[in-house]
């Protein structure tokens, strides 16, 4: 196969991101006709249909293969620009996928120095099961996931453990639990409202199952599909929340939220996955650190700062801790 046309690959990536020829043309500052011509040229070059012209358009399997290559080309282009001291085109950005709870707690502080240094990132938020699919399809260059195993051609780095605990506001406890945090028990959990992130989220069911030994518990559900709003809803007394300890620790310490059943914790192991763009080694290059390696190193350091203390417990070692099996059916908020 001849060398693939870089302009055509840029068009393919823009079409995947924007979902239409019109928006892709706007991003690339060219006409829709030019986008169409570059795509047709690339399709002719590989002898495959790359895009299904539907609404929204979607990539064929061959298109997904070339999208992975286009993303990797963009990352290497960013490395070259950094070494030469030049800037990337304004429309070019490096997409990575994260789950909402990580984004709400430790991801942005971890990446702050890189972004301030000029790195153009696109943060894609999705359920952890789907972040890995985004990576597999080439839609992103890296992802935070609960999956342990690396895809072929990828590197995986352990990030740490995010621990989830049940909390409620003092007002909620006074109103719904007769003022006693111990009022959440096997006899009462079915009548108390629980906050749910979205219909993919089963963290609350897992916590109840661990706390009370009930399989497939039925809960009164109140949906709040935002990590920040989820904690706000708990503060407002909307229900029992099962939230990351790193997110609610300060609120517990100051008394705005009360820890329910502190001996019960859910543990979620997190991993960073990225495409290998350098030497075929499990270790990143030491002399010339690529952009993806810098992102991975920043995330690993940020996770260690934010989640490192969670490994040793909080105040006292919990008596009931469940490590969520990454191969078992589950959802992490995204």
C-alpha atoms as a PDB file:
ATOM      1  CA  UNK A   1       0.000   0.000   0.000  1.00  0.00           C
ATOM      2  CA  UNK A   2       1.276   3.445  -0.856  1.00  0.00           C
ATOM      3  CA  UNK A   3       1.844   6.019   1.850  1.00  0.00           C
ATOM      4  CA  UNK A   4      -1.535   7.125   3.170  1.00  0.00           C
ATOM      5  CA  UNK A   5      -2.543  10.696   2.458  1.00  0.00           C
ATOM      6  CA  UNK A   6      -2.200  12.763   5.643  1.00  0.00           C
ATOM      7  CA  UNK A   7      -4.857  15.277   4.559  1.00  0.00           C
ATOM      8  CA  UNK A   8      -7.293  12.443   3.927  1.00  0.00           C
ATOM      9  CA  UNK A   9      -6.586  10.966   7.346  1.00  0.00           C
ATOM     10  CA  UNK A  10      -7.197  14.371   8.945  1.00  0.00           C
ATOM     11  CA  UNK A  11     -10.551  14.507   7.152  1.00  0.00           C
ATOM     12  CA  UNK A  12     -11.449  11.022   8.349  1.00  0.00           C
ATOM     13  CA  UNK A  13     -10.660  11.951  11.971  1.00  0.00           C
ATOM     14  CA  UNK A  14     -12.697  15.150  11.718  1.00  0.00           C
ATOM     15  CA  UNK A  15     -15.650  13.260  10.241  1.00  0.00           C
ATOM     16  CA  UNK A  16     -15.471  10.755  13.093  1.00  0.00           C
ATOM     17  CA  UNK A  17     -15.369  13.561  15.669  1.00  0.00           C
ATOM     18  CA  UNK A  18     -17.988  15.861  14.181  1.00  0.00           C
ATOM     19  CA  UNK A  19     -20.417  13.423  12.574  1.00  0.00           C
ATOM     20  CA  UNK A  20     -21.055  15.452   9.426  1.00  0.00           C
ATOM     21  CA  UNK A  21     -19.258  16.847   6.385  1.00  0.00           C
ATOM     22  CA  UNK A  22     -20.391  20.381   7.223  1.00  0.00           C
ATOM     23  CA  UNK A  23     -18.901  20.434  10.725  1.00  0.00           C
ATOM     24  CA  UNK A  24     -15.750  18.640   9.570  1.00  0.00           C
ATOM     25  CA  UNK A  25     -15.276  21.307   6.890  1.00  0.00           C
ATOM     26  CA  UNK A  26     -15.701  24.046   9.485  1.00  0.00           C
ATOM     27  CA  UNK A  27     -13.107  22.466  11.740  1.00  0.00           C
ATOM     28  CA  UNK A  28     -10.589  22.060   8.921  1.00  0.00           C
ATOM     29  CA  UNK A  29     -11.384  25.480   7.379  1.00  0.00           C
ATOM     30  CA  UNK A  30     -12.044  23.973   3.963  1.00  0.00           C
ATOM     31  CA  UNK A  31     -15.186  23.422   1.889  1.00  0.00           C
ATOM     32  CA  UNK A  32     -17.494  20.413   2.212  1.00  0.00           C
ATOM     33  CA  UNK A  33     -16.574  19.515  -1.341  1.00  0.00           C
ATOM     34  CA  UNK A  34     -12.897  19.415  -0.366  1.00  0.00           C
ATOM     35  CA  UNK A  35     -13.675  17.136   2.587  1.00  0.00           C
ATOM     36  CA  UNK A  36     -15.615  14.823   0.280  1.00  0.00           C
ATOM     37  CA  UNK A  37     -12.849  14.767  -2.315  1.00  0.00           C
ATOM     38  CA  UNK A  38     -10.122  14.027   0.234  1.00  0.00           C
ATOM     39  CA  UNK A  39     -12.196  11.209   1.721  1.00  0.00           C
ATOM     40  CA  UNK A  40     -12.882   9.722  -1.724  1.00  0.00           C
ATOM     41  CA  UNK A  41      -9.188   9.911  -2.524  1.00  0.00           C
ATOM     42  CA  UNK A  42      -8.312   8.073   0.676  1.00  0.00           C
ATOM     43  CA  UNK A  43     -10.992   5.440   0.001  1.00  0.00           C
ATOM     44  CA  UNK A  44      -9.625   4.960  -3.499  1.00  0.00           C
ATOM     45  CA  UNK A  45      -6.119   4.633  -2.098  1.00  0.00           C
ATOM     46  CA  UNK A  46      -7.062   1.782   0.251  1.00  0.00           C
ATOM     47  CA  UNK A  47      -9.779   0.309  -1.966  1.00  0.00           C
ATOM     48  CA  UNK A  48     -12.340   0.279   0.845  1.00  0.00           C
ATOM     49  CA  UNK A  49     -15.400   2.271   1.856  1.00  0.00           C
ATOM     50  CA  UNK A  50     -14.409   4.147   5.022  1.00  0.00           C
ATOM     51  CA  UNK A  51     -17.531   6.130   5.920  1.00  0.00           C
ATOM     52  CA  UNK A  52     -21.213   5.244   5.718  1.00  0.00           C
ATOM     53  CA  UNK A  53     -22.973   8.410   4.568  1.00  0.00           C
ATOM     54  CA  UNK A  54     -25.808   8.242   7.104  1.00  0.00           C
ATOM     55  CA  UNK A  55     -27.102  10.712   9.699  1.00  0.00           C
ATOM     56  CA  UNK A  56     -25.070  10.785  11.771  1.00  0.00           C
ATOM     57  CA  UNK A  57     -22.409   9.268   9.570  1.00  0.00           C
ATOM     58  CA  UNK A  58     -20.472   6.296  10.901  1.00  0.00           C
ATOM     59  CA  UNK A  59     -17.182   4.627  10.125  1.00  0.00           C
ATOM     60  CA  UNK A  60     -16.890   1.185   8.562  1.00  0.00           C
ATOM     61  CA  UNK A  61     -14.553  -1.368  10.127  1.00  0.00           C
ATOM     62  CA  UNK A  62     -11.877  -0.310   7.633  1.00  0.00           C
ATOM     63  CA  UNK A  63     -12.535   3.297   8.589  1.00  0.00           C
ATOM     64  CA  UNK A  64     -12.000   2.473  12.269  1.00  0.00           C
ATOM     65  CA  UNK A  65      -8.636   0.883  11.426  1.00  0.00           C
ATOM     66  CA  UNK A  66      -7.519   4.033   9.610  1.00  0.00           C
ATOM     67  CA  UNK A  67      -8.934   6.223  12.382  1.00  0.00           C
ATOM     68  CA  UNK A  68      -6.580   4.499  14.843  1.00  0.00           C
ATOM     69  CA  UNK A  69      -3.704   5.290  12.499  1.00  0.00           C
ATOM     70  CA  UNK A  70      -4.871   8.903  12.140  1.00  0.00           C
ATOM     71  CA  UNK A  71      -5.005   9.349  15.924  1.00  0.00           C
ATOM     72  CA  UNK A  72      -1.523   7.925  16.313  1.00  0.00           C
ATOM     73  CA  UNK A  73      -0.272  10.182  13.521  1.00  0.00           C
ATOM     74  CA  UNK A  74      -1.725  13.189  15.388  1.00  0.00           C
ATOM     75  CA  UNK A  75       0.052  12.157  18.582  1.00  0.00           C
ATOM     76  CA  UNK A  76       3.372  11.804  16.780  1.00  0.00           C
ATOM     77  CA  UNK A  77       2.770  15.141  15.078  1.00  0.00           C
ATOM     78  CA  UNK A  78       2.335  16.664  18.552  1.00  0.00           C
ATOM     79  CA  UNK A  79       5.660  15.136  19.634  1.00  0.00           C
ATOM     80  CA  UNK A  80       7.461  16.596  16.623  1.00  0.00           C
ATOM     81  CA  UNK A  81       5.874  20.020  17.170  1.00  0.00           C
ATOM     82  CA  UNK A  82       6.953  19.998  20.808  1.00  0.00           C
ATOM     83  CA  UNK A  83      10.547  19.067  19.958  1.00  0.00           C
ATOM     84  CA  UNK A  84      10.737  21.748  17.266  1.00  0.00           C
ATOM     85  CA  UNK A  85       9.106  24.353  19.471  1.00  0.00           C
ATOM     86  CA  UNK A  86       6.249  24.928  17.029  1.00  0.00           C
ATOM     87  CA  UNK A  87       2.503  24.853  17.603  1.00  0.00           C
ATOM     88  CA  UNK A  88      -0.095  22.441  16.279  1.00  0.00           C
ATOM     89  CA  UNK A  89      -2.995  23.602  14.089  1.00  0.00           C
ATOM     90  CA  UNK A  90      -5.715  25.077  16.305  1.00  0.00           C
ATOM     91  CA  UNK A  91      -8.250  22.418  15.289  1.00  0.00           C
ATOM     92  CA  UNK A  92      -6.012  19.505  16.233  1.00  0.00           C
ATOM     93  CA  UNK A  93      -6.455  17.947  19.658  1.00  0.00           C
ATOM     94  CA  UNK A  94      -5.593  14.688  21.364  1.00  0.00           C
ATOM     95  CA  UNK A  95      -8.658  12.795  22.652  1.00  0.00           C
ATOM     96  CA  UNK A  96      -8.594  10.600  25.755  1.00  0.00           C
ATOM     97  CA  UNK A  97     -11.543   8.893  27.463  1.00  0.00           C
ATOM     98  CA  UNK A  98     -12.216   8.981  31.209  1.00  0.00           C
ATOM     99  CA  UNK A  99     -15.111   8.111  33.489  1.00  0.00           C
ATOM    100  CA  UNK A 100     -17.045  10.919  35.154  1.00  0.00           C
ATOM    101  CA  UNK A 101     -15.988  10.239  38.758  1.00  0.00           C
ATOM    102  CA  UNK A 102     -12.295  10.337  37.843  1.00  0.00           C
ATOM    103  CA  UNK A 103     -12.849  13.533  35.872  1.00  0.00           C
ATOM    104  CA  UNK A 104     -14.666  15.119  38.815  1.00  0.00           C
ATOM    105  CA  UNK A 105     -11.907  14.282  41.295  1.00  0.00           C
ATOM    106  CA  UNK A 106      -8.313  13.750  40.201  1.00  0.00           C
ATOM    107  CA  UNK A 107      -7.929  13.799  36.394  1.00  0.00           C
ATOM    108  CA  UNK A 108      -8.013  17.563  35.796  1.00  0.00           C
ATOM    109  CA  UNK A 109      -5.454  18.414  38.532  1.00  0.00           C
ATOM    110  CA  UNK A 110      -3.259  15.638  37.153  1.00  0.00           C
ATOM    111  CA  UNK A 111      -3.320  17.116  33.638  1.00  0.00           C
ATOM    112  CA  UNK A 112      -3.222  20.775  34.627  1.00  0.00           C
ATOM    113  CA  UNK A 113       0.507  21.313  34.071  1.00  0.00           C
ATOM    114  CA  UNK A 114       0.404  19.712  30.617  1.00  0.00           C
ATOM    115  CA  UNK A 115      -2.612  21.760  29.531  1.00  0.00           C
ATOM    116  CA  UNK A 116      -1.059  24.974  30.828  1.00  0.00           C
ATOM    117  CA  UNK A 117       2.027  24.017  28.854  1.00  0.00           C
ATOM    118  CA  UNK A 118       0.031  24.111  25.626  1.00  0.00           C
ATOM    119  CA  UNK A 119      -1.215  20.537  25.206  1.00  0.00           C
ATOM    120  CA  UNK A 120      -4.555  20.442  23.372  1.00  0.00           C
ATOM    121  CA  UNK A 121      -6.689  17.696  24.886  1.00  0.00           C
ATOM    122  CA  UNK A 122     -10.220  16.506  24.297  1.00  0.00           C
ATOM    123  CA  UNK A 123     -11.667  14.715  27.322  1.00  0.00           C
ATOM    124  CA  UNK A 124     -14.314  12.181  26.318  1.00  0.00           C
ATOM    125  CA  UNK A 125     -16.553  11.068  29.201  1.00  0.00           C
ATOM    126  CA  UNK A 126     -18.207   7.658  29.126  1.00  0.00           C
ATOM    127  CA  UNK A 127     -18.899   4.567  31.185  1.00  0.00           C
ATOM    128  CA  UNK A 128     -15.725   2.611  31.877  1.00  0.00           C
ATOM    129  CA  UNK A 129     -16.843  -0.298  29.702  1.00  0.00           C
ATOM    130  CA  UNK A 130     -17.170   2.056  26.775  1.00  0.00           C
ATOM    131  CA  UNK A 131     -13.966   4.044  27.337  1.00  0.00           C
ATOM    132  CA  UNK A 132     -12.088   0.890  26.400  1.00  0.00           C
ATOM    133  CA  UNK A 133     -14.265   0.494  23.303  1.00  0.00           C
ATOM    134  CA  UNK A 134     -13.410   4.066  22.275  1.00  0.00           C
ATOM    135  CA  UNK A 135      -9.735   3.101  22.442  1.00  0.00           C
ATOM    136  CA  UNK A 136     -10.284  -0.140  20.528  1.00  0.00           C
ATOM    137  CA  UNK A 137     -12.075   1.692  17.734  1.00  0.00           C
ATOM    138  CA  UNK A 138      -9.381   4.360  17.496  1.00  0.00           C
ATOM    139  CA  UNK A 139     -11.664   7.190  18.600  1.00  0.00           C
ATOM    140  CA  UNK A 140      -9.264   8.076  21.439  1.00  0.00           C
ATOM    141  CA  UNK A 141      -5.543   7.680  22.030  1.00  0.00           C
ATOM    142  CA  UNK A 142      -5.832   6.574  25.645  1.00  0.00           C
ATOM    143  CA  UNK A 143      -8.404   5.825  28.315  1.00  0.00           C
ATOM    144  CA  UNK A 144      -8.917   5.403  32.045  1.00  0.00           C
ATOM    145  CA  UNK A 145     -10.593   2.029  32.498  1.00  0.00           C
ATOM    146  CA  UNK A 146     -11.160  -0.819  34.940  1.00  0.00           C
ATOM    147  CA  UNK A 147      -9.955  -3.311  32.315  1.00  0.00           C
ATOM    148  CA  UNK A 148      -6.615  -4.895  33.223  1.00  0.00           C
ATOM    149  CA  UNK A 149      -5.587  -6.461  29.932  1.00  0.00           C
ATOM    150  CA  UNK A 150      -3.944  -4.312  27.279  1.00  0.00           C
ATOM    151  CA  UNK A 151      -5.209  -4.343  23.731  1.00  0.00           C
ATOM    152  CA  UNK A 152      -2.744  -5.510  21.129  1.00  0.00           C
ATOM    153  CA  UNK A 153      -0.527  -2.550  20.341  1.00  0.00           C
ATOM    154  CA  UNK A 154      -1.323  -0.789  23.619  1.00  0.00           C
ATOM    155  CA  UNK A 155       0.423  -0.214  26.928  1.00  0.00           C
ATOM    156  CA  UNK A 156      -1.410  -0.414  30.267  1.00  0.00           C
ATOM    157  CA  UNK A 157      -0.368   1.259  33.546  1.00  0.00           C
ATOM    158  CA  UNK A 158      -2.051   0.658  36.954  1.00  0.00           C
ATOM    159  CA  UNK A 159      -3.357   3.921  38.441  1.00  0.00           C
ATOM    160  CA  UNK A 160      -4.650   2.899  41.840  1.00  0.00           C
ATOM    161  CA  UNK A 161      -7.873   2.130  43.645  1.00  0.00           C
ATOM    162  CA  UNK A 162     -10.935   4.365  43.851  1.00  0.00           C
ATOM    163  CA  UNK A 163     -13.000   3.518  46.927  1.00  0.00           C
ATOM    164  CA  UNK A 164     -16.757   4.106  47.123  1.00  0.00           C
ATOM    165  CA  UNK A 165     -18.697   4.633  50.334  1.00  0.00           C
ATOM    166  CA  UNK A 166     -22.295   5.441  51.324  1.00  0.00           C
ATOM    167  CA  UNK A 167     -23.099   8.938  52.601  1.00  0.00           C
ATOM    168  CA  UNK A 168     -26.129  11.046  53.447  1.00  0.00           C
ATOM    169  CA  UNK A 169     -26.760  14.542  54.770  1.00  0.00           C
ATOM    170  CA  UNK A 170     -27.579  15.150  58.458  1.00  0.00           C
ATOM    171  CA  UNK A 171     -30.933  16.575  57.338  1.00  0.00           C
ATOM    172  CA  UNK A 172     -31.751  13.389  55.408  1.00  0.00           C
ATOM    173  CA  UNK A 173     -30.778  11.230  58.392  1.00  0.00           C
ATOM    174  CA  UNK A 174     -32.981  13.306  60.695  1.00  0.00           C
ATOM    175  CA  UNK A 175     -35.940  13.196  58.297  1.00  0.00           C
ATOM    176  CA  UNK A 176     -35.768   9.681  56.892  1.00  0.00           C
ATOM    177  CA  UNK A 177     -33.770   7.691  59.476  1.00  0.00           C
ATOM    178  CA  UNK A 178     -35.031   9.114  62.789  1.00  0.00           C
ATOM    179  CA  UNK A 179     -31.737  10.903  63.338  1.00  0.00           C
ATOM    180  CA  UNK A 180     -29.651   7.742  63.533  1.00  0.00           C
ATOM    181  CA  UNK A 181     -27.118   6.834  60.830  1.00  0.00           C
ATOM    182  CA  UNK A 182     -27.606   3.207  61.845  1.00  0.00           C
ATOM    183  CA  UNK A 183     -31.134   3.553  60.462  1.00  0.00           C
ATOM    184  CA  UNK A 184     -29.813   2.338  57.121  1.00  0.00           C
ATOM    185  CA  UNK A 185     -29.997  -1.406  57.643  1.00  0.00           C
ATOM    186  CA  UNK A 186     -31.283  -4.605  56.093  1.00  0.00           C
ATOM    187  CA  UNK A 187     -34.843  -3.847  57.199  1.00  0.00           C
ATOM    188  CA  UNK A 188     -34.990  -0.252  55.921  1.00  0.00           C
ATOM    189  CA  UNK A 189     -32.846   0.069  52.793  1.00  0.00           C
ATOM    190  CA  UNK A 190     -35.761  -0.690  50.429  1.00  0.00           C
ATOM    191  CA  UNK A 191     -37.786   2.328  51.580  1.00  0.00           C
ATOM    192  CA  UNK A 192     -34.932   4.849  51.574  1.00  0.00           C
ATOM    193  CA  UNK A 193     -34.201   6.664  48.280  1.00  0.00           C
ATOM    194  CA  UNK A 194     -30.777   6.044  46.737  1.00  0.00           C
ATOM    195  CA  UNK A 195     -29.088   8.404  44.302  1.00  0.00           C
ATOM    196  CA  UNK A 196     -28.204   6.763  40.987  1.00  0.00           C
ATOM    197  CA  UNK A 197     -25.859   8.285  38.408  1.00  0.00           C
ATOM    198  CA  UNK A 198     -27.656   6.838  35.368  1.00  0.00           C
ATOM    199  CA  UNK A 199     -29.232   3.599  34.180  1.00  0.00           C
ATOM    200  CA  UNK A 200     -25.803   2.060  33.608  1.00  0.00           C
ATOM    201  CA  UNK A 201     -24.784   2.654  37.231  1.00  0.00           C
ATOM    202  CA  UNK A 202     -25.119  -0.271  39.646  1.00  0.00           C
ATOM    203  CA  UNK A 203     -22.666   0.923  42.310  1.00  0.00           C
ATOM    204  CA  UNK A 204     -25.504   1.353  44.803  1.00  0.00           C
ATOM    205  CA  UNK A 205     -26.811  -2.184  44.274  1.00  0.00           C
ATOM    206  CA  UNK A 206     -23.305  -3.538  44.762  1.00  0.00           C
ATOM    207  CA  UNK A 207     -22.862  -1.555  47.980  1.00  0.00           C
ATOM    208  CA  UNK A 208     -26.220  -2.757  49.378  1.00  0.00           C
ATOM    209  CA  UNK A 209     -25.416  -6.320  48.376  1.00  0.00           C
ATOM    210  CA  UNK A 210     -22.098  -6.140  50.219  1.00  0.00           C
ATOM    211  CA  UNK A 211     -23.516  -4.351  53.260  1.00  0.00           C
ATOM    212  CA  UNK A 212     -26.592  -6.497  53.818  1.00  0.00           C
ATOM    213  CA  UNK A 213     -25.930  -9.732  51.940  1.00  0.00           C
ATOM    214  CA  UNK A 214     -28.860  -9.196  49.575  1.00  0.00           C
ATOM    215  CA  UNK A 215     -28.561 -10.372  45.979  1.00  0.00           C
ATOM    216  CA  UNK A 216     -30.086  -8.119  43.321  1.00  0.00           C
ATOM    217  CA  UNK A 217     -31.548  -5.595  45.771  1.00  0.00           C
ATOM    218  CA  UNK A 218     -34.408  -3.410  44.610  1.00  0.00           C
ATOM    219  CA  UNK A 219     -33.922   0.271  45.434  1.00  0.00           C
ATOM    220  CA  UNK A 220     -35.914   3.485  45.324  1.00  0.00           C
ATOM    221  CA  UNK A 221     -33.946   5.352  42.672  1.00  0.00           C
ATOM    222  CA  UNK A 222     -33.394   9.053  42.076  1.00  0.00           C
ATOM    223  CA  UNK A 223     -31.252   9.708  39.007  1.00  0.00           C
ATOM    224  CA  UNK A 224     -28.641  12.475  38.988  1.00  0.00           C
ATOM    225  CA  UNK A 225     -26.359  12.066  35.917  1.00  0.00           C
ATOM    226  CA  UNK A 226     -23.412  14.264  36.958  1.00  0.00           C
ATOM    227  CA  UNK A 227     -20.679  13.476  39.471  1.00  0.00           C
ATOM    228  CA  UNK A 228     -20.682  16.989  40.908  1.00  0.00           C
ATOM    229  CA  UNK A 229     -24.495  17.227  40.957  1.00  0.00           C
ATOM    230  CA  UNK A 230     -24.666  13.748  42.487  1.00  0.00           C
ATOM    231  CA  UNK A 231     -22.753  14.912  45.558  1.00  0.00           C
ATOM    232  CA  UNK A 232     -24.774  18.135  45.606  1.00  0.00           C
ATOM    233  CA  UNK A 233     -27.978  16.068  45.656  1.00  0.00           C
ATOM    234  CA  UNK A 234     -26.648  14.112  48.645  1.00  0.00           C
ATOM    235  CA  UNK A 235     -25.885  17.405  50.416  1.00  0.00           C
ATOM    236  CA  UNK A 236     -29.428  18.597  49.706  1.00  0.00           C
ATOM    237  CA  UNK A 237     -30.892  15.485  51.301  1.00  0.00           C
ATOM    238  CA  UNK A 238     -32.256  13.865  48.144  1.00  0.00           C
ATOM    239  CA  UNK A 239     -31.118  10.402  49.161  1.00  0.00           C
ATOM    240  CA  UNK A 240     -28.309   8.035  50.089  1.00  0.00           C
ATOM    241  CA  UNK A 241     -25.326   8.411  47.790  1.00  0.00           C
ATOM    242  CA  UNK A 242     -22.555   5.911  47.056  1.00  0.00           C
ATOM    243  CA  UNK A 243     -19.705   8.195  46.075  1.00  0.00           C
ATOM    244  CA  UNK A 244     -15.919   8.123  45.744  1.00  0.00           C
ATOM    245  CA  UNK A 245     -14.321   8.621  49.145  1.00  0.00           C
ATOM    246  CA  UNK A 246     -11.808  11.013  47.590  1.00  0.00           C
ATOM    247  CA  UNK A 247     -14.720  13.212  46.495  1.00  0.00           C
ATOM    248  CA  UNK A 248     -16.614  13.324  49.807  1.00  0.00           C
ATOM    249  CA  UNK A 249     -13.827  13.018  52.386  1.00  0.00           C
ATOM    250  CA  UNK A 250     -13.707  16.772  53.138  1.00  0.00           C
ATOM    251  CA  UNK A 251     -17.506  16.982  53.367  1.00  0.00           C
ATOM    252  CA  UNK A 252     -17.501  14.098  55.865  1.00  0.00           C
ATOM    253  CA  UNK A 253     -14.745  15.714  57.910  1.00  0.00           C
ATOM    254  CA  UNK A 254     -16.634  19.007  58.165  1.00  0.00           C
ATOM    255  CA  UNK A 255     -19.948  17.301  58.969  1.00  0.00           C
ATOM    256  CA  UNK A 256     -21.822  18.237  55.792  1.00  0.00           C
ATOM    257  CA  UNK A 257     -22.191  14.538  54.967  1.00  0.00           C
ATOM    258  CA  UNK A 258     -22.306  11.541  57.293  1.00  0.00           C
ATOM    259  CA  UNK A 259     -20.523   8.289  56.516  1.00  0.00           C
ATOM    260  CA  UNK A 260     -22.983   5.388  56.616  1.00  0.00           C
ATOM    261  CA  UNK A 261     -21.674   1.938  57.462  1.00  0.00           C
ATOM    262  CA  UNK A 262     -18.002   3.047  57.366  1.00  0.00           C
ATOM    263  CA  UNK A 263     -16.903  -0.592  57.504  1.00  0.00           C
ATOM    264  CA  UNK A 264     -18.352  -1.178  54.016  1.00  0.00           C
ATOM    265  CA  UNK A 265     -16.358  -0.010  51.006  1.00  0.00           C
ATOM    266  CA  UNK A 266     -16.317  -0.872  47.309  1.00  0.00           C
ATOM    267  CA  UNK A 267     -12.932  -0.809  45.590  1.00  0.00           C
ATOM    268  CA  UNK A 268     -12.513  -0.082  41.887  1.00  0.00           C
ATOM    269  CA  UNK A 269      -9.064  -0.568  40.351  1.00  0.00           C
ATOM    270  CA  UNK A 270      -8.242   1.901  37.593  1.00  0.00           C
ATOM    271  CA  UNK A 271      -5.792   1.540  34.702  1.00  0.00           C
ATOM    272  CA  UNK A 272      -4.440   3.849  32.013  1.00  0.00           C
ATOM    273  CA  UNK A 273      -4.363   2.390  28.490  1.00  0.00           C
ATOM    274  CA  UNK A 274      -2.585   4.044  25.568  1.00  0.00           C
ATOM    275  CA  UNK A 275      -1.453   3.154  22.087  1.00  0.00           C
ATOM    276  CA  UNK A 276       2.231   2.317  21.716  1.00  0.00           C
ATOM    277  CA  UNK A 277       3.821   4.885  19.450  1.00  0.00           C
ATOM    278  CA  UNK A 278       7.454   4.349  20.335  1.00  0.00           C
ATOM    279  CA  UNK A 279       9.713   1.303  20.756  1.00  0.00           C
ATOM    280  CA  UNK A 280       7.954  -2.023  21.321  1.00  0.00           C
ATOM    281  CA  UNK A 281       8.599  -2.110  25.045  1.00  0.00           C
ATOM    282  CA  UNK A 282       6.606  -2.013  28.248  1.00  0.00           C
ATOM    283  CA  UNK A 283       8.803   0.849  29.429  1.00  0.00           C
ATOM    284  CA  UNK A 284       8.392   4.367  28.005  1.00  0.00           C
ATOM    285  CA  UNK A 285      11.459   5.802  26.243  1.00  0.00           C
ATOM    286  CA  UNK A 286      13.787   7.637  28.616  1.00  0.00           C
ATOM    287  CA  UNK A 287      15.524  10.035  26.265  1.00  0.00           C
ATOM    288  CA  UNK A 288      12.522  11.246  24.241  1.00  0.00           C
ATOM    289  CA  UNK A 289       9.261  11.007  26.128  1.00  0.00           C
ATOM    290  CA  UNK A 290       6.297  11.140  23.763  1.00  0.00           C
ATOM    291  CA  UNK A 291       3.094  13.067  24.364  1.00  0.00           C
ATOM    292  CA  UNK A 292       1.053   9.991  25.289  1.00  0.00           C
ATOM    293  CA  UNK A 293       3.761   8.871  27.710  1.00  0.00           C
ATOM    294  CA  UNK A 294       3.701  12.334  29.302  1.00  0.00           C
ATOM    295  CA  UNK A 295      -0.089  12.121  29.661  1.00  0.00           C
ATOM    296  CA  UNK A 296       0.187   8.637  31.152  1.00  0.00           C
ATOM    297  CA  UNK A 297       2.915   9.702  33.577  1.00  0.00           C
ATOM    298  CA  UNK A 298       0.888  12.753  34.657  1.00  0.00           C
ATOM    299  CA  UNK A 299      -2.210  10.631  35.241  1.00  0.00           C
ATOM    300  CA  UNK A 300      -0.242   8.027  37.201  1.00  0.00           C
ATOM    301  CA  UNK A 301       1.302  10.725  39.405  1.00  0.00           C
ATOM    302  CA  UNK A 302      -2.037  12.473  39.870  1.00  0.00           C
ATOM    303  CA  UNK A 303      -3.788   9.228  40.764  1.00  0.00           C
ATOM    304  CA  UNK A 304      -1.062   8.417  43.271  1.00  0.00           C
ATOM    305  CA  UNK A 305      -1.510  11.801  44.933  1.00  0.00           C
ATOM    306  CA  UNK A 306      -5.309  11.565  45.018  1.00  0.00           C
ATOM    307  CA  UNK A 307      -5.870   7.853  45.512  1.00  0.00           C
ATOM    308  CA  UNK A 308      -2.644   6.685  47.135  1.00  0.00           C
ATOM    309  CA  UNK A 309      -4.017   7.232  50.615  1.00  0.00           C
ATOM    310  CA  UNK A 310      -7.083   5.184  49.773  1.00  0.00           C
ATOM    311  CA  UNK A 311      -4.961   2.055  49.558  1.00  0.00           C
ATOM    312  CA  UNK A 312      -4.240   2.211  53.298  1.00  0.00           C
ATOM    313  CA  UNK A 313      -7.827   2.909  54.291  1.00  0.00           C
ATOM    314  CA  UNK A 314      -9.425   5.924  55.907  1.00  0.00           C
ATOM    315  CA  UNK A 315      -9.388   6.492  59.655  1.00  0.00           C
ATOM    316  CA  UNK A 316      -9.798   2.760  60.293  1.00  0.00           C
ATOM    317  CA  UNK A 317      -9.474  -0.276  58.099  1.00  0.00           C
ATOM    318  CA  UNK A 318     -12.875  -1.264  56.706  1.00  0.00           C
ATOM    319  CA  UNK A 319     -14.182  -4.668  57.713  1.00  0.00           C
ATOM    320  CA  UNK A 320     -16.111  -5.262  54.481  1.00  0.00           C
ATOM    321  CA  UNK A 321     -14.273  -4.377  51.302  1.00  0.00           C
ATOM    322  CA  UNK A 322     -15.123  -5.713  47.881  1.00  0.00           C
ATOM    323  CA  UNK A 323     -12.722  -5.347  45.003  1.00  0.00           C
ATOM    324  CA  UNK A 324     -14.815  -5.146  41.886  1.00  0.00           C
ATOM    325  CA  UNK A 325     -13.807  -7.852  39.433  1.00  0.00           C
ATOM    326  CA  UNK A 326     -13.088  -6.134  36.092  1.00  0.00           C
ATOM    327  CA  UNK A 327     -14.386  -9.236  34.299  1.00  0.00           C
ATOM    328  CA  UNK A 328     -17.708  -9.252  36.159  1.00  0.00           C
ATOM    329  CA  UNK A 329     -20.775  -7.361  34.884  1.00  0.00           C
ATOM    330  CA  UNK A 330     -20.651  -3.900  36.410  1.00  0.00           C
ATOM    331  CA  UNK A 331     -20.673  -0.220  35.563  1.00  0.00           C
ATOM    332  CA  UNK A 332     -18.459   2.599  36.683  1.00  0.00           C
ATOM    333  CA  UNK A 333     -20.000   6.013  36.312  1.00  0.00           C
ATOM    334  CA  UNK A 334     -19.258   7.776  33.087  1.00  0.00           C
END
